[in-house]
Amino acid sequence: MIEDDELIRKFKDGDETGFDELVRRYQQRVHSLLYRLVRNTEDARDLAQDVFVRAFRALPGFQGKSSFYTWLYRIAVNCAFNLMRSRGRQKAKAGSEIQLNEEAMLNLPSSETPQSDFHRSELRRAIATAVETLPERQQAVFVMRQYEGMSNNEIAEVLGLSAGAVKSHYFFAVHKLQVALKEWV
């Protein structure tokens, strides 16, 4: 597999197929992150397109001080924050079932009855709603760490924060979620 740096070099040399490969490589991950932040399929799709348009325009100036992946995630998170601010953090309801990985997060046992299926579905909604109410930085830190599996250092680089600030945001996010979900767990 060709490394990101080589694809970027290809693009900077005038071969746009390098960028096409970067889009194929990261499109699903960017869309997934955006969906988890804005919780609307259409908005996430539109934002993902905007992210890649911005990346296309800015890539000639990319200096490689961070990985392409980190740089692209920073663009994605900033686009999501901008949308969230423009809407006053009022997010539209998702058109499909919430695509979060609460089972892994909470180590929920597999369902055995229709009642337990219903309970798990309600818990998913409660978790998604609670995550949605977090302040934007806490929400971004929580989503990137819990759902994207990013390290504190990677998150710090994406958000332009120190690793200590990321830990603090995560701690407060988890605390707020524990309070909001106390009747569930």
N, C-alpha and C. Protein backbone atom coordinates (compact mmCIF):
# COMPACT_ATOMS: atom_id res chain seq x y z
N MET A 1 0.85 -1.18 0.00
CA MET A 1 0.00 0.00 0.00
C MET A 1 0.89 1.24 0.00
N ILE A 2 0.51 2.19 -0.79
CA ILE A 2 1.26 3.44 -0.90
C ILE A 2 1.01 4.28 0.35
N GLU A 3 2.05 4.84 0.91
CA GLU A 3 1.95 5.68 2.10
C GLU A 3 1.27 7.01 1.75
N ASP A 4 0.64 7.62 2.77
CA ASP A 4 -0.02 8.91 2.58
C ASP A 4 0.95 9.96 2.04
N ASP A 5 2.17 9.99 2.59
CA ASP A 5 3.15 10.99 2.15
C ASP A 5 3.43 10.90 0.65
N GLU A 6 3.49 9.69 0.14
CA GLU A 6 3.75 9.51 -1.29
C GLU A 6 2.55 9.97 -2.12
N LEU A 7 1.34 9.70 -1.64
CA LEU A 7 0.13 10.16 -2.34
C LEU A 7 0.05 11.68 -2.34
N ILE A 8 0.44 12.29 -1.25
CA ILE A 8 0.45 13.76 -1.17
C ILE A 8 1.48 14.33 -2.14
N ARG A 9 2.63 13.72 -2.17
CA ARG A 9 3.68 14.16 -3.09
C ARG A 9 3.19 14.05 -4.55
N LYS A 10 2.51 12.95 -4.84
CA LYS A 10 1.95 12.74 -6.17
C LYS A 10 0.98 13.87 -6.54
N PHE A 11 0.10 14.20 -5.58
CA PHE A 11 -0.88 15.25 -5.79
C PHE A 11 -0.19 16.60 -6.01
N LYS A 12 0.80 16.89 -5.18
CA LYS A 12 1.51 18.16 -5.30
C LYS A 12 2.27 18.26 -6.62
N ASP A 13 2.61 17.11 -7.18
CA ASP A 13 3.29 17.08 -8.49
C ASP A 13 2.31 17.14 -9.65
N GLY A 14 1.01 17.30 -9.34
CA GLY A 14 0.02 17.48 -10.40
C GLY A 14 -0.81 16.26 -10.72
N ASP A 15 -0.59 15.15 -10.04
CA ASP A 15 -1.35 13.93 -10.30
C ASP A 15 -2.47 13.81 -9.27
N GLU A 16 -3.70 14.16 -9.67
CA GLU A 16 -4.82 14.19 -8.74
C GLU A 16 -5.26 12.80 -8.29
N THR A 17 -4.76 11.74 -8.91
CA THR A 17 -5.12 10.41 -8.46
C THR A 17 -4.59 10.14 -7.04
N GLY A 18 -3.56 10.85 -6.65
CA GLY A 18 -3.06 10.74 -5.28
C GLY A 18 -4.11 11.18 -4.28
N PHE A 19 -4.78 12.28 -4.60
CA PHE A 19 -5.83 12.77 -3.70
C PHE A 19 -7.03 11.83 -3.74
N ASP A 20 -7.36 11.32 -4.92
CA ASP A 20 -8.48 10.38 -5.03
C ASP A 20 -8.28 9.18 -4.12
N GLU A 21 -7.07 8.68 -4.04
CA GLU A 21 -6.77 7.55 -3.18
C GLU A 21 -6.89 7.94 -1.71
N LEU A 22 -6.46 9.14 -1.35
CA LEU A 22 -6.61 9.61 0.03
C LEU A 22 -8.09 9.70 0.41
N VAL A 23 -8.91 10.16 -0.52
CA VAL A 23 -10.35 10.24 -0.26
C VAL A 23 -10.90 8.83 -0.03
N ARG A 24 -10.57 7.89 -0.91
CA ARG A 24 -11.04 6.51 -0.73
C ARG A 24 -10.58 5.94 0.61
N ARG A 25 -9.38 6.25 0.99
CA ARG A 25 -8.79 5.71 2.22
C ARG A 25 -9.48 6.25 3.47
N TYR A 26 -9.88 7.52 3.46
CA TYR A 26 -10.38 8.15 4.68
C TYR A 26 -11.84 8.55 4.66
N GLN A 27 -12.52 8.36 3.56
CA GLN A 27 -13.90 8.83 3.43
C GLN A 27 -14.82 8.24 4.49
N GLN A 28 -14.77 6.95 4.70
CA GLN A 28 -15.66 6.31 5.67
C GLN A 28 -15.35 6.76 7.10
N ARG A 29 -14.09 6.87 7.44
CA ARG A 29 -13.70 7.28 8.79
C ARG A 29 -14.13 8.71 9.08
N VAL A 30 -13.96 9.59 8.09
CA VAL A 30 -14.37 10.99 8.26
C VAL A 30 -15.88 11.08 8.40
N HIS A 31 -16.59 10.36 7.56
CA HIS A 31 -18.06 10.37 7.63
C HIS A 31 -18.53 9.85 8.98
N SER A 32 -17.92 8.78 9.46
CA SER A 32 -18.29 8.20 10.74
C SER A 32 -18.08 9.20 11.88
N LEU A 33 -16.93 9.86 11.90
CA LEU A 33 -16.66 10.87 12.91
C LEU A 33 -17.70 11.99 12.85
N LEU A 34 -17.95 12.49 11.66
CA LEU A 34 -18.90 13.59 11.51
C LEU A 34 -20.31 13.18 11.93
N TYR A 35 -20.71 11.96 11.57
CA TYR A 35 -22.03 11.50 11.97
C TYR A 35 -22.15 11.45 13.49
N ARG A 36 -21.12 10.98 14.14
CA ARG A 36 -21.16 10.87 15.60
C ARG A 36 -21.19 12.24 16.27
N LEU A 37 -20.67 13.24 15.60
CA LEU A 37 -20.70 14.59 16.16
C LEU A 37 -22.01 15.31 15.86
N VAL A 38 -22.53 15.20 14.64
CA VAL A 38 -23.73 15.97 14.27
C VAL A 38 -25.00 15.15 14.28
N ARG A 39 -24.88 13.82 14.33
CA ARG A 39 -26.00 12.88 14.43
C ARG A 39 -27.08 13.09 13.37
N ASN A 40 -26.66 13.36 12.17
CA ASN A 40 -27.59 13.49 11.06
C ASN A 40 -26.87 13.01 9.81
N THR A 41 -27.44 12.01 9.16
CA THR A 41 -26.78 11.38 8.02
C THR A 41 -26.52 12.35 6.89
N GLU A 42 -27.52 13.16 6.54
CA GLU A 42 -27.34 14.11 5.43
C GLU A 42 -26.30 15.17 5.77
N ASP A 43 -26.36 15.70 6.98
CA ASP A 43 -25.38 16.70 7.39
C ASP A 43 -23.97 16.10 7.38
N ALA A 44 -23.84 14.89 7.87
CA ALA A 44 -22.52 14.24 7.89
C ALA A 44 -22.00 14.04 6.47
N ARG A 45 -22.88 13.65 5.56
CA ARG A 45 -22.47 13.46 4.16
C ARG A 45 -22.05 14.79 3.54
N ASP A 46 -22.84 15.84 3.78
CA ASP A 46 -22.49 17.17 3.25
C ASP A 46 -21.19 17.69 3.86
N LEU A 47 -21.05 17.50 5.16
CA LEU A 47 -19.82 17.95 5.82
C LEU A 47 -18.60 17.19 5.31
N ALA A 48 -18.75 15.88 5.11
CA ALA A 48 -17.62 15.08 4.61
C ALA A 48 -17.19 15.60 3.24
N GLN A 49 -18.15 15.92 2.41
CA GLN A 49 -17.82 16.47 1.09
C GLN A 49 -17.08 17.80 1.25
N ASP A 50 -17.57 18.63 2.16
CA ASP A 50 -16.93 19.92 2.42
C ASP A 50 -15.51 19.73 2.95
N VAL A 51 -15.33 18.75 3.83
CA VAL A 51 -14.01 18.46 4.39
C VAL A 51 -13.02 18.13 3.27
N PHE A 52 -13.43 17.29 2.35
CA PHE A 52 -12.51 16.88 1.29
C PHE A 52 -12.28 18.01 0.27
N VAL A 53 -13.27 18.86 0.06
CA VAL A 53 -13.06 20.03 -0.80
C VAL A 53 -12.03 20.96 -0.15
N ARG A 54 -12.20 21.19 1.16
CA ARG A 54 -11.24 22.04 1.87
C ARG A 54 -9.84 21.43 1.86
N ALA A 55 -9.79 20.12 2.07
CA ALA A 55 -8.49 19.43 2.05
C ALA A 55 -7.84 19.54 0.67
N PHE A 56 -8.63 19.38 -0.38
CA PHE A 56 -8.11 19.49 -1.75
C PHE A 56 -7.48 20.86 -1.98
N ARG A 57 -8.19 21.89 -1.52
CA ARG A 57 -7.70 23.26 -1.71
C ARG A 57 -6.47 23.57 -0.86
N ALA A 58 -6.42 22.99 0.34
CA ALA A 58 -5.34 23.31 1.27
C ALA A 58 -4.14 22.38 1.17
N LEU A 59 -4.31 21.24 0.50
CA LEU A 59 -3.24 20.25 0.45
C LEU A 59 -1.93 20.76 -0.15
N PRO A 60 -1.96 21.65 -1.13
CA PRO A 60 -0.68 22.16 -1.63
C PRO A 60 0.16 22.84 -0.54
N GLY A 61 -0.48 23.38 0.48
CA GLY A 61 0.24 24.03 1.57
C GLY A 61 0.51 23.11 2.75
N PHE A 62 0.08 21.85 2.66
CA PHE A 62 0.30 20.89 3.74
C PHE A 62 1.79 20.67 3.92
N GLN A 63 2.28 20.89 5.14
CA GLN A 63 3.72 20.82 5.39
C GLN A 63 4.16 19.52 6.02
N GLY A 64 3.21 18.67 6.41
CA GLY A 64 3.57 17.38 6.97
C GLY A 64 4.04 17.43 8.40
N LYS A 65 3.72 18.50 9.14
CA LYS A 65 4.11 18.57 10.55
C LYS A 65 3.32 17.58 11.39
N SER A 66 2.17 17.19 10.90
CA SER A 66 1.37 16.13 11.51
C SER A 66 1.04 15.13 10.41
N SER A 67 0.45 14.02 10.77
CA SER A 67 0.06 13.06 9.75
C SER A 67 -1.11 13.63 8.94
N PHE A 68 -1.29 13.14 7.73
CA PHE A 68 -2.42 13.57 6.91
C PHE A 68 -3.73 13.27 7.63
N TYR A 69 -3.81 12.10 8.23
CA TYR A 69 -4.98 11.65 8.97
C TYR A 69 -5.35 12.65 10.06
N THR A 70 -4.39 13.08 10.84
CA THR A 70 -4.63 14.05 11.92
C THR A 70 -5.06 15.39 11.34
N TRP A 71 -4.39 15.83 10.30
CA TRP A 71 -4.70 17.10 9.64
C TRP A 71 -6.14 17.06 9.10
N LEU A 72 -6.51 15.96 8.48
CA LEU A 72 -7.85 15.81 7.91
C LEU A 72 -8.90 15.78 9.02
N TYR A 73 -8.62 15.09 10.12
CA TYR A 73 -9.56 15.05 11.24
C TYR A 73 -9.74 16.44 11.84
N ARG A 74 -8.69 17.23 11.87
CA ARG A 74 -8.82 18.59 12.40
C ARG A 74 -9.78 19.39 11.52
N ILE A 75 -9.66 19.25 10.22
CA ILE A 75 -10.58 19.93 9.30
C ILE A 75 -12.01 19.45 9.56
N ALA A 76 -12.18 18.14 9.72
CA ALA A 76 -13.51 17.56 9.93
C ALA A 76 -14.13 18.06 11.24
N VAL A 77 -13.37 18.04 12.30
CA VAL A 77 -13.90 18.49 13.60
C VAL A 77 -14.25 19.97 13.54
N ASN A 78 -13.42 20.78 12.91
CA ASN A 78 -13.73 22.21 12.78
C ASN A 78 -15.00 22.43 11.97
N CYS A 79 -15.19 21.67 10.91
CA CYS A 79 -16.42 21.79 10.11
C CYS A 79 -17.64 21.41 10.95
N ALA A 80 -17.52 20.33 11.74
CA ALA A 80 -18.63 19.91 12.60
C ALA A 80 -18.93 20.98 13.65
N PHE A 81 -17.88 21.52 14.28
CA PHE A 81 -18.08 22.59 15.27
C PHE A 81 -18.79 23.78 14.64
N ASN A 82 -18.38 24.16 13.44
CA ASN A 82 -19.01 25.30 12.77
C ASN A 82 -20.49 25.05 12.54
N LEU A 83 -20.84 23.86 12.09
CA LEU A 83 -22.25 23.54 11.88
C LEU A 83 -23.01 23.55 13.20
N MET A 84 -22.42 22.95 14.23
CA MET A 84 -23.08 22.89 15.53
C MET A 84 -23.30 24.30 16.09
N ARG A 85 -22.33 25.17 15.93
CA ARG A 85 -22.48 26.55 16.40
C ARG A 85 -23.54 27.30 15.61
N SER A 86 -23.55 27.08 14.29
CA SER A 86 -24.52 27.80 13.45
C SER A 86 -25.94 27.37 13.76
N ARG A 87 -26.10 26.20 14.28
CA ARG A 87 -27.44 25.71 14.63
C ARG A 87 -27.74 25.89 16.11
N GLY A 88 -26.86 26.54 16.81
CA GLY A 88 -27.09 26.72 18.23
C GLY A 88 -27.14 25.40 18.97
N ARG A 89 -26.40 24.42 18.44
CA ARG A 89 -26.30 23.08 19.00
C ARG A 89 -27.61 22.33 18.97
N GLN A 90 -28.57 22.81 18.19
CA GLN A 90 -29.81 22.06 18.02
C GLN A 90 -29.59 21.12 16.85
N LYS A 91 -29.50 19.87 17.14
CA LYS A 91 -29.22 18.88 16.11
C LYS A 91 -30.51 18.23 15.67
N ALA A 92 -30.61 18.01 14.38
CA ALA A 92 -31.77 17.31 13.85
C ALA A 92 -31.70 15.84 14.25
N LYS A 93 -32.85 15.23 14.34
CA LYS A 93 -32.88 13.82 14.69
C LYS A 93 -32.30 13.01 13.53
N ALA A 94 -31.60 11.97 13.89
CA ALA A 94 -31.01 11.09 12.88
C ALA A 94 -32.13 10.31 12.20
N GLY A 95 -31.97 10.11 10.91
CA GLY A 95 -32.98 9.39 10.16
C GLY A 95 -32.90 7.89 10.32
N SER A 96 -31.81 7.38 10.80
CA SER A 96 -31.66 5.95 10.96
C SER A 96 -31.27 5.64 12.40
N GLU A 97 -31.20 4.36 12.70
CA GLU A 97 -30.82 3.97 14.06
C GLU A 97 -29.44 4.52 14.38
N ILE A 98 -29.25 4.92 15.60
CA ILE A 98 -28.00 5.50 16.04
C ILE A 98 -26.88 4.49 15.84
N GLN A 99 -25.80 4.92 15.21
CA GLN A 99 -24.72 4.01 14.85
C GLN A 99 -23.56 4.14 15.84
N LEU A 100 -23.86 3.96 17.10
CA LEU A 100 -22.83 4.07 18.11
C LEU A 100 -22.48 2.67 18.61
N ASN A 101 -21.33 2.56 19.22
CA ASN A 101 -20.87 1.27 19.69
C ASN A 101 -20.98 1.18 21.21
N GLU A 102 -22.20 1.36 21.72
CA GLU A 102 -22.39 1.33 23.17
C GLU A 102 -22.11 -0.05 23.74
N GLU A 103 -22.40 -1.12 22.97
CA GLU A 103 -22.17 -2.46 23.50
C GLU A 103 -20.71 -2.63 23.89
N ALA A 104 -19.81 -2.18 23.05
CA ALA A 104 -18.39 -2.29 23.37
C ALA A 104 -18.04 -1.35 24.53
N MET A 105 -18.63 -0.16 24.50
CA MET A 105 -18.32 0.83 25.52
C MET A 105 -18.78 0.36 26.90
N LEU A 106 -19.95 -0.25 26.96
CA LEU A 106 -20.52 -0.64 28.25
C LEU A 106 -20.41 -2.13 28.53
N ASN A 107 -19.84 -2.87 27.57
CA ASN A 107 -19.74 -4.32 27.71
C ASN A 107 -21.10 -4.94 27.99
N LEU A 108 -22.10 -4.53 27.21
CA LEU A 108 -23.44 -5.05 27.40
C LEU A 108 -23.50 -6.51 26.95
N PRO A 109 -24.21 -7.34 27.69
CA PRO A 109 -24.35 -8.73 27.27
C PRO A 109 -25.24 -8.81 26.04
N SER A 110 -25.09 -9.89 25.31
CA SER A 110 -25.92 -10.06 24.12
C SER A 110 -27.36 -10.24 24.55
N SER A 111 -28.28 -9.77 23.72
CA SER A 111 -29.69 -9.82 24.08
C SER A 111 -30.22 -11.24 23.89
N GLU A 112 -31.20 -11.58 24.72
CA GLU A 112 -31.79 -12.90 24.63
C GLU A 112 -33.30 -12.84 24.48
N THR A 113 -33.89 -11.69 24.77
CA THR A 113 -35.34 -11.57 24.72
C THR A 113 -35.72 -10.27 24.00
N PRO A 114 -36.96 -10.18 23.54
CA PRO A 114 -37.41 -8.91 22.95
C PRO A 114 -37.34 -7.75 23.94
N GLN A 115 -37.57 -8.04 25.23
CA GLN A 115 -37.50 -6.99 26.24
C GLN A 115 -36.07 -6.46 26.37
N SER A 116 -35.09 -7.37 26.34
CA SER A 116 -33.71 -6.91 26.47
C SER A 116 -33.29 -6.16 25.21
N ASP A 117 -33.82 -6.57 24.03
CA ASP A 117 -33.55 -5.82 22.80
C ASP A 117 -34.09 -4.40 22.92
N PHE A 118 -35.29 -4.28 23.44
CA PHE A 118 -35.90 -2.96 23.62
C PHE A 118 -35.09 -2.13 24.61
N HIS A 119 -34.69 -2.74 25.71
CA HIS A 119 -33.90 -2.03 26.73
C HIS A 119 -32.59 -1.52 26.13
N ARG A 120 -31.92 -2.35 25.35
CA ARG A 120 -30.65 -1.96 24.72
C ARG A 120 -30.88 -0.82 23.74
N SER A 121 -31.97 -0.87 23.00
CA SER A 121 -32.29 0.20 22.04
C SER A 121 -32.52 1.52 22.77
N GLU A 122 -33.26 1.46 23.87
CA GLU A 122 -33.51 2.66 24.66
C GLU A 122 -32.22 3.19 25.29
N LEU A 123 -31.37 2.30 25.74
CA LEU A 123 -30.08 2.71 26.32
C LEU A 123 -29.22 3.39 25.26
N ARG A 124 -29.20 2.85 24.04
CA ARG A 124 -28.45 3.49 22.94
C ARG A 124 -28.92 4.92 22.74
N ARG A 125 -30.23 5.10 22.71
CA ARG A 125 -30.78 6.45 22.52
C ARG A 125 -30.39 7.36 23.67
N ALA A 126 -30.47 6.85 24.88
CA ALA A 126 -30.12 7.66 26.06
C ALA A 126 -28.65 8.07 26.02
N ILE A 127 -27.78 7.16 25.64
CA ILE A 127 -26.35 7.47 25.55
C ILE A 127 -26.11 8.51 24.47
N ALA A 128 -26.71 8.31 23.30
CA ALA A 128 -26.52 9.26 22.20
C ALA A 128 -27.02 10.64 22.58
N THR A 129 -28.17 10.70 23.25
CA THR A 129 -28.71 11.99 23.68
C THR A 129 -27.80 12.64 24.71
N ALA A 130 -27.28 11.85 25.64
CA ALA A 130 -26.38 12.39 26.66
C ALA A 130 -25.08 12.91 26.03
N VAL A 131 -24.53 12.16 25.09
CA VAL A 131 -23.30 12.61 24.40
C VAL A 131 -23.56 13.91 23.66
N GLU A 132 -24.73 14.00 23.07
CA GLU A 132 -25.09 15.20 22.30
C GLU A 132 -25.15 16.45 23.17
N THR A 133 -25.44 16.30 24.45
CA THR A 133 -25.58 17.46 25.33
C THR A 133 -24.24 17.96 25.88
N LEU A 134 -23.17 17.21 25.67
CA LEU A 134 -21.86 17.64 26.16
C LEU A 134 -21.40 18.91 25.45
N PRO A 135 -20.62 19.75 26.11
CA PRO A 135 -20.00 20.88 25.41
C PRO A 135 -19.17 20.36 24.24
N GLU A 136 -19.04 21.14 23.18
CA GLU A 136 -18.48 20.63 21.93
C GLU A 136 -17.09 20.01 22.07
N ARG A 137 -16.20 20.60 22.83
CA ARG A 137 -14.86 20.00 22.97
C ARG A 137 -14.92 18.68 23.73
N GLN A 138 -15.73 18.63 24.78
CA GLN A 138 -15.87 17.38 25.52
C GLN A 138 -16.49 16.31 24.63
N GLN A 139 -17.48 16.71 23.85
CA GLN A 139 -18.11 15.77 22.94
C GLN A 139 -17.11 15.25 21.91
N ALA A 140 -16.33 16.14 21.34
CA ALA A 140 -15.34 15.73 20.34
C ALA A 140 -14.30 14.80 20.95
N VAL A 141 -13.81 15.14 22.13
CA VAL A 141 -12.81 14.30 22.80
C VAL A 141 -13.41 12.93 23.10
N PHE A 142 -14.62 12.91 23.62
CA PHE A 142 -15.25 11.64 23.96
C PHE A 142 -15.47 10.78 22.72
N VAL A 143 -15.99 11.37 21.66
CA VAL A 143 -16.25 10.62 20.43
C VAL A 143 -14.95 10.09 19.83
N MET A 144 -13.94 10.93 19.76
CA MET A 144 -12.67 10.48 19.15
C MET A 144 -12.02 9.38 19.98
N ARG A 145 -12.14 9.47 21.29
CA ARG A 145 -11.49 8.45 22.13
C ARG A 145 -12.32 7.17 22.18
N GLN A 146 -13.62 7.29 22.47
CA GLN A 146 -14.46 6.11 22.65
C GLN A 146 -14.80 5.41 21.34
N TYR A 147 -15.16 6.18 20.33
CA TYR A 147 -15.68 5.58 19.11
C TYR A 147 -14.64 5.47 18.00
N GLU A 148 -13.70 6.39 17.97
CA GLU A 148 -12.67 6.36 16.94
C GLU A 148 -11.40 5.65 17.42
N GLY A 149 -11.29 5.43 18.72
CA GLY A 149 -10.14 4.72 19.28
C GLY A 149 -8.84 5.51 19.22
N MET A 150 -8.94 6.83 19.19
CA MET A 150 -7.75 7.66 19.11
C MET A 150 -7.11 7.83 20.48
N SER A 151 -5.80 7.99 20.49
CA SER A 151 -5.08 8.21 21.75
C SER A 151 -5.22 9.68 22.17
N ASN A 152 -4.88 9.95 23.43
CA ASN A 152 -4.93 11.33 23.92
C ASN A 152 -4.02 12.24 23.09
N ASN A 153 -2.85 11.74 22.72
CA ASN A 153 -1.92 12.55 21.93
C ASN A 153 -2.47 12.84 20.54
N GLU A 154 -3.12 11.85 19.91
CA GLU A 154 -3.72 12.08 18.59
C GLU A 154 -4.85 13.11 18.68
N ILE A 155 -5.68 12.97 19.70
CA ILE A 155 -6.79 13.91 19.90
C ILE A 155 -6.24 15.31 20.15
N ALA A 156 -5.20 15.39 20.96
CA ALA A 156 -4.59 16.69 21.26
C ALA A 156 -4.11 17.35 19.98
N GLU A 157 -3.50 16.57 19.11
CA GLU A 157 -3.00 17.13 17.85
C GLU A 157 -4.14 17.60 16.96
N VAL A 158 -5.22 16.82 16.89
CA VAL A 158 -6.38 17.19 16.07
C VAL A 158 -7.02 18.47 16.58
N LEU A 159 -7.18 18.57 17.89
CA LEU A 159 -7.90 19.71 18.46
C LEU A 159 -7.00 20.89 18.82
N GLY A 160 -5.70 20.70 18.69
CA GLY A 160 -4.79 21.78 19.04
C GLY A 160 -4.73 22.03 20.54
N LEU A 161 -4.81 20.97 21.31
CA LEU A 161 -4.79 21.06 22.77
C LEU A 161 -3.58 20.30 23.30
N SER A 162 -3.32 20.45 24.58
CA SER A 162 -2.30 19.62 25.22
C SER A 162 -2.93 18.28 25.58
N ALA A 163 -2.10 17.27 25.79
CA ALA A 163 -2.61 15.95 26.19
C ALA A 163 -3.32 16.07 27.54
N GLY A 164 -2.82 16.92 28.41
CA GLY A 164 -3.47 17.13 29.70
C GLY A 164 -4.86 17.72 29.55
N ALA A 165 -5.02 18.64 28.63
CA ALA A 165 -6.35 19.24 28.40
C ALA A 165 -7.31 18.19 27.84
N VAL A 166 -6.80 17.31 26.99
CA VAL A 166 -7.63 16.23 26.45
C VAL A 166 -8.09 15.32 27.58
N LYS A 167 -7.18 14.95 28.47
CA LYS A 167 -7.54 14.11 29.62
C LYS A 167 -8.59 14.79 30.47
N SER A 168 -8.45 16.09 30.69
CA SER A 168 -9.40 16.84 31.48
C SER A 168 -10.78 16.86 30.82
N HIS A 169 -10.82 17.15 29.51
CA HIS A 169 -12.09 17.16 28.78
C HIS A 169 -12.75 15.78 28.85
N TYR A 170 -11.96 14.73 28.70
CA TYR A 170 -12.50 13.37 28.74
C TYR A 170 -13.05 13.06 30.14
N PHE A 171 -12.30 13.41 31.17
CA PHE A 171 -12.74 13.17 32.54
C PHE A 171 -14.09 13.84 32.80
N PHE A 172 -14.21 15.12 32.42
CA PHE A 172 -15.46 15.84 32.66
C PHE A 172 -16.60 15.29 31.80
N ALA A 173 -16.28 14.85 30.58
CA ALA A 173 -17.31 14.26 29.72
C ALA A 173 -17.84 12.98 30.35
N VAL A 174 -16.95 12.12 30.80
CA VAL A 174 -17.37 10.86 31.42
C VAL A 174 -18.19 11.14 32.68
N HIS A 175 -17.74 12.09 33.47
CA HIS A 175 -18.48 12.44 34.69
C HIS A 175 -19.90 12.92 34.34
N LYS A 176 -20.02 13.80 33.37
CA LYS A 176 -21.34 14.30 32.97
C LYS A 176 -22.21 13.18 32.42
N LEU A 177 -21.61 12.26 31.68
CA LEU A 177 -22.38 11.14 31.15
C LEU A 177 -22.82 10.20 32.27
N GLN A 178 -21.98 9.99 33.26
CA GLN A 178 -22.37 9.15 34.40
C GLN A 178 -23.56 9.75 35.12
N VAL A 179 -23.54 11.06 35.31
CA VAL A 179 -24.65 11.74 35.98
C VAL A 179 -25.91 11.63 35.12
N ALA A 180 -25.77 11.91 33.83
CA ALA A 180 -26.93 11.89 32.94
C ALA A 180 -27.53 10.49 32.77
N LEU A 181 -26.68 9.48 32.91
CA LEU A 181 -27.14 8.10 32.67
C LEU A 181 -27.26 7.28 33.94
N LYS A 182 -27.29 7.94 35.09
CA LYS A 182 -27.29 7.20 36.37
C LYS A 182 -28.46 6.25 36.52
N GLU A 183 -29.60 6.57 35.92
CA GLU A 183 -30.75 5.65 36.03
C GLU A 183 -30.62 4.44 35.13
N TRP A 184 -29.66 4.47 34.21
CA TRP A 184 -29.48 3.35 33.26
C TRP A 184 -28.42 2.36 33.71
N VAL A 185 -27.40 2.85 34.40
CA VAL A 185 -26.30 1.97 34.77
C VAL A 185 -26.05 1.97 36.26
